[in-house]
Amino acid sequence: MRVLLVGGASGIGRAVATEIVDRGGEVILAGRRAEVLNDAVATLGPRASSVIVDLTDEASIAAAAAEVGSVDHVVSLAADHANGPVADLAIADIRKAFDAKVIGPILLAKHFASSVADGGSLLFFSGVAAWKPAPGLSVMATTNGAVAFLAEALAVELAPLRVNAVSPGIVDSGAWDSMGAGKDSFFAETARANPAGRVGRSADVVAAVIYALTNTFVTGTTLHVDGGGRRA
């Protein structure tokens, strides 16, 4: 399995990369910051490499497709949040959020679809905010919702190439560590509300990614990995 991971140098993406390498696969980490990519590649070992991709720059995506060549899967975990009250949002931040979650994945499909091997797929990351919006998260909810619809549309247009999405809920992946002492109470409250009775772990999302990549009868689907949180 040869997988291009956009945004795979840290957090859940790094966990996905590690799992693929441990299974004997090869990962190509893609992102804007060479030093971050190089550090991740050094840790992952000889089955990992990197390529510069900026989802706001179509030329970089086209160049990466030409450089990387044939792959089995393309996975994009990229995000660029524009959170806050609508009245306070800057248009530049809104556009960056759409570039990361919507426009970028469309361009990845444009330039990489022809390079994906038979039985392969495109996989994009959505998120629970689309199904459980909250004040201050309107852009996040909209972009994540768009990912789910994009996966359905591309699965039809690009068939038999498979296209899916993964929608994580609240996951203890390190992304919430900036909350400091408030993280524990936030996680406890989330766990009480979730039907699953806990917050997510990176391994939960990794398992969903591997399922989406390897089950060749799954396409046009959004896999919800949120402990039922979108219903709570």
Protein backbone atom coordinates (compact mmCIF):
# COMPACT_ATOMS: atom_id res chain seq x y z
CA MET A 1 0.00 0.00 0.00
CA ARG A 2 1.47 3.33 -1.12
CA VAL A 3 -0.36 6.28 0.46
CA LEU A 4 -0.03 10.04 0.07
CA LEU A 5 -0.95 11.71 3.37
CA VAL A 6 -1.63 15.44 3.20
CA GLY A 7 -1.28 16.75 6.75
CA GLY A 8 0.18 13.48 7.99
CA ALA A 9 3.18 14.79 9.91
CA SER A 10 1.50 15.18 13.30
CA GLY A 11 -1.52 14.23 15.40
CA ILE A 12 -3.95 11.75 13.88
CA GLY A 13 -2.16 11.94 10.55
CA ARG A 14 1.07 10.80 12.16
CA ALA A 15 -0.80 7.93 13.80
CA VAL A 16 -2.21 6.91 10.42
CA ALA A 17 1.24 7.08 8.86
CA THR A 18 2.69 4.92 11.62
CA GLU A 19 -0.02 2.29 11.17
CA ILE A 20 0.54 2.11 7.42
CA VAL A 21 4.29 1.75 7.85
CA ASP A 22 3.82 -0.90 10.55
CA ARG A 23 1.65 -2.84 8.09
CA GLY A 24 4.49 -2.82 5.58
CA GLY A 25 3.17 0.03 3.48
CA GLU A 26 4.80 3.20 2.20
CA VAL A 27 3.76 6.74 3.08
CA ILE A 28 4.49 10.01 1.34
CA LEU A 29 3.88 12.86 3.77
CA ALA A 30 2.70 16.07 2.11
CA GLY A 31 2.57 19.55 3.56
CA ARG A 32 3.91 23.09 3.38
CA ARG A 33 6.71 22.94 5.96
CA ALA A 34 9.76 20.96 4.89
CA GLU A 35 11.32 20.86 8.35
CA VAL A 36 8.21 19.32 9.92
CA LEU A 37 7.95 16.76 7.13
CA ASN A 38 11.63 15.86 7.40
CA ASP A 39 11.40 15.30 11.15
CA ALA A 40 8.40 13.00 10.69
CA VAL A 41 10.10 11.06 7.90
CA ALA A 42 13.20 10.57 10.04
CA THR A 43 11.06 9.06 12.79
CA LEU A 44 8.98 6.85 10.51
CA GLY A 45 11.99 5.36 8.74
CA PRO A 46 12.82 4.20 5.21
CA ARG A 47 9.21 3.49 4.20
CA ALA A 48 8.43 7.21 4.52
CA SER A 49 9.23 10.14 2.25
CA SER A 50 7.89 13.64 1.77
CA VAL A 51 6.74 16.11 -0.85
CA ILE A 52 5.80 19.77 -0.60
CA VAL A 53 2.09 20.45 -1.15
CA ASP A 54 0.28 23.71 -0.48
CA LEU A 55 -3.46 23.25 -0.87
CA THR A 56 -3.83 26.96 -1.65
CA ASP A 57 -1.48 26.61 -4.63
CA GLU A 58 -2.68 24.44 -7.51
CA ALA A 59 0.76 24.45 -9.12
CA SER A 60 2.27 22.76 -6.06
CA ILE A 61 -0.41 20.07 -6.19
CA ALA A 62 0.21 19.43 -9.87
CA ALA A 63 3.96 19.30 -9.30
CA ALA A 64 3.55 16.86 -6.43
CA ALA A 65 1.37 14.57 -8.55
CA ALA A 66 4.04 14.50 -11.23
CA GLU A 67 6.78 13.84 -8.67
CA VAL A 68 5.00 11.17 -6.64
CA GLY A 69 3.60 9.11 -9.52
CA SER A 70 1.36 6.12 -8.87
CA VAL A 71 -0.24 5.71 -5.44
CA ASP A 72 -2.86 3.43 -3.98
CA HIS A 73 -4.58 6.08 -1.87
CA VAL A 74 -4.62 9.83 -1.27
CA VAL A 75 -5.67 10.94 2.21
CA SER A 76 -6.14 14.58 3.19
CA LEU A 77 -6.32 15.50 6.87
CA ALA A 78 -5.62 19.18 6.26
CA ALA A 79 -7.54 21.85 8.16
CA ASP A 80 -7.23 25.60 8.65
CA HIS A 81 -9.81 26.81 11.13
CA ALA A 82 -11.70 30.09 10.99
CA ASN A 83 -13.55 30.03 14.29
CA GLY A 84 -15.39 32.82 16.05
CA PRO A 85 -18.59 34.84 15.74
CA VAL A 86 -19.63 35.44 12.15
CA ALA A 87 -19.54 39.19 12.72
CA ASP A 88 -15.84 38.99 13.56
CA LEU A 89 -14.64 36.68 10.79
CA ALA A 90 -11.99 37.85 8.35
CA ILE A 91 -12.59 36.87 4.75
CA ALA A 92 -8.97 35.74 4.36
CA ASP A 93 -9.43 33.24 7.20
CA ILE A 94 -12.69 31.96 5.72
CA ARG A 95 -10.99 31.39 2.38
CA LYS A 96 -8.10 29.53 4.02
CA ALA A 97 -10.59 27.22 5.74
CA PHE A 98 -12.28 26.43 2.43
CA ASP A 99 -8.92 25.97 0.71
CA ALA A 100 -7.89 23.35 3.26
CA LYS A 101 -11.13 21.40 3.47
CA VAL A 102 -12.95 21.88 0.16
CA ILE A 103 -11.01 23.52 -2.65
CA GLY A 104 -7.78 21.71 -1.84
CA PRO A 105 -9.40 18.26 -1.90
CA ILE A 106 -11.08 19.10 -5.22
CA LEU A 107 -7.67 19.98 -6.64
CA LEU A 108 -6.16 16.81 -5.19
CA ALA A 109 -8.86 14.86 -7.02
CA LYS A 110 -8.17 16.83 -10.21
CA HIS A 111 -4.44 16.11 -10.24
CA PHE A 112 -4.12 12.75 -8.47
CA ALA A 113 -7.18 10.76 -9.62
CA SER A 114 -5.41 9.50 -12.72
CA SER A 115 -2.45 8.37 -10.58
CA VAL A 116 -4.47 6.20 -8.18
CA ALA A 117 -4.07 2.47 -8.83
CA ASP A 118 -7.01 0.15 -9.48
CA GLY A 119 -8.87 -0.53 -6.25
CA GLY A 120 -7.49 2.64 -4.67
CA SER A 121 -9.26 5.63 -3.20
CA LEU A 122 -9.37 9.23 -2.12
CA LEU A 123 -10.17 9.88 1.54
CA PHE A 124 -10.94 13.30 3.01
CA PHE A 125 -11.45 14.36 6.62
CA SER A 126 -14.73 15.93 7.68
CA GLY A 127 -15.72 16.47 11.33
CA VAL A 128 -18.53 16.31 13.85
CA ALA A 129 -19.15 20.08 13.78
CA ALA A 130 -21.04 19.60 10.50
CA TRP A 131 -23.69 17.52 12.28
CA LYS A 132 -23.56 19.31 15.62
CA PRO A 133 -22.98 23.00 14.90
CA ALA A 134 -22.27 25.44 17.69
CA PRO A 135 -21.92 29.21 17.97
CA GLY A 136 -18.56 30.33 16.65
CA LEU A 137 -18.11 27.23 14.49
CA SER A 138 -20.18 28.15 11.45
CA VAL A 139 -17.26 27.99 9.01
CA MET A 140 -16.03 24.70 10.48
CA ALA A 141 -19.51 23.22 10.25
CA THR A 142 -19.92 24.36 6.65
CA THR A 143 -16.54 23.13 5.39
CA ASN A 144 -16.87 19.78 7.14
CA GLY A 145 -20.35 19.33 5.74
CA ALA A 146 -19.06 20.16 2.28
CA VAL A 147 -16.47 17.39 2.59
CA ALA A 148 -19.18 14.79 3.08
CA PHE A 149 -21.10 15.98 0.01
CA LEU A 150 -17.88 16.21 -2.00
CA ALA A 151 -17.09 12.56 -1.24
CA GLU A 152 -20.53 11.52 -2.51
CA ALA A 153 -20.25 13.59 -5.68
CA LEU A 154 -16.70 12.54 -6.57
CA ALA A 155 -17.51 8.88 -5.90
CA VAL A 156 -20.04 9.11 -8.74
CA GLU A 157 -17.96 11.25 -11.08
CA LEU A 158 -14.67 9.38 -10.64
CA ALA A 159 -16.05 5.83 -10.39
CA PRO A 160 -14.71 3.18 -10.15
CA LEU A 161 -12.19 5.19 -8.11
CA ARG A 162 -13.54 5.16 -4.58
CA VAL A 163 -13.98 8.38 -2.60
CA ASN A 164 -14.89 8.49 1.08
CA ALA A 165 -14.74 10.74 4.13
CA VAL A 166 -13.98 10.20 7.81
CA SER A 167 -15.68 12.42 10.38
CA PRO A 168 -14.00 12.34 13.81
CA GLY A 169 -15.66 13.64 16.94
CA ILE A 170 -13.80 14.84 20.02
CA VAL A 171 -10.56 12.85 19.96
CA ASP A 172 -7.66 12.99 22.42
CA SER A 173 -5.03 13.38 19.70
CA GLY A 174 -3.09 16.27 21.20
CA ALA A 175 -5.17 18.87 19.36
CA TRP A 176 -6.90 19.89 22.59
CA ASP A 177 -3.80 20.19 24.77
CA SER A 178 -3.76 23.97 24.36
CA MET A 179 -6.84 24.09 26.62
CA GLY A 180 -4.56 23.40 29.58
CA ALA A 181 -6.41 22.55 32.77
CA GLY A 182 -9.74 22.96 31.04
CA LYS A 183 -9.11 19.95 28.82
CA ASP A 184 -9.94 17.39 31.53
CA SER A 185 -13.31 18.92 32.37
CA PHE A 186 -14.16 19.32 28.68
CA PHE A 187 -13.34 15.68 28.01
CA ALA A 188 -15.31 14.54 31.07
CA GLU A 189 -18.36 16.50 29.92
CA THR A 190 -18.03 15.13 26.39
CA ALA A 191 -17.72 11.56 27.68
CA ARG A 192 -20.87 11.93 29.79
CA ALA A 193 -22.84 13.16 26.77
CA ASN A 194 -21.51 10.65 24.24
CA PRO A 195 -23.47 7.41 23.84
CA ALA A 196 -20.10 5.61 23.77
CA GLY A 197 -19.32 7.00 27.22
CA ARG A 198 -15.86 8.35 26.39
CA VAL A 199 -13.92 10.64 24.11
CA GLY A 200 -12.16 9.24 21.08
CA ARG A 201 -8.61 8.00 20.77
CA SER A 202 -6.34 8.37 17.76
CA ALA A 203 -6.52 4.59 17.33
CA ASP A 204 -10.29 4.84 16.79
CA VAL A 205 -9.80 7.17 13.83
CA VAL A 206 -6.87 5.17 12.47
CA ALA A 207 -9.03 2.05 12.42
CA ALA A 208 -11.69 3.89 10.40
CA VAL A 209 -9.09 5.15 7.94
CA ILE A 210 -7.68 1.66 7.38
CA TYR A 211 -11.21 0.33 6.88
CA ALA A 212 -11.98 3.03 4.30
CA LEU A 213 -8.76 2.33 2.43
CA THR A 214 -9.02 -1.44 2.38
CA ASN A 215 -12.73 -2.19 1.95
CA THR A 216 -13.19 -2.00 -1.81
CA PHE A 217 -17.00 -2.03 -1.56
CA VAL A 218 -17.19 1.23 0.40
CA THR A 219 -17.46 4.46 -1.59
CA GLY A 220 -19.37 7.74 -1.38
CA THR A 221 -19.58 7.22 2.37
CA THR A 222 -18.79 9.29 5.45
CA LEU A 223 -17.60 7.18 8.37
CA HIS A 224 -18.58 8.80 11.67
CA VAL A 225 -16.02 8.17 14.42
CA ASP A 226 -17.57 10.30 17.14
CA GLY A 227 -18.89 7.93 19.80
CA GLY A 228 -22.38 8.97 18.75
CA GLY A 229 -21.55 12.54 19.71
CA ARG A 230 -23.32 14.07 16.73
CA ARG A 231 -26.57 12.72 18.19
CA ALA A 232 -25.92 13.72 21.81
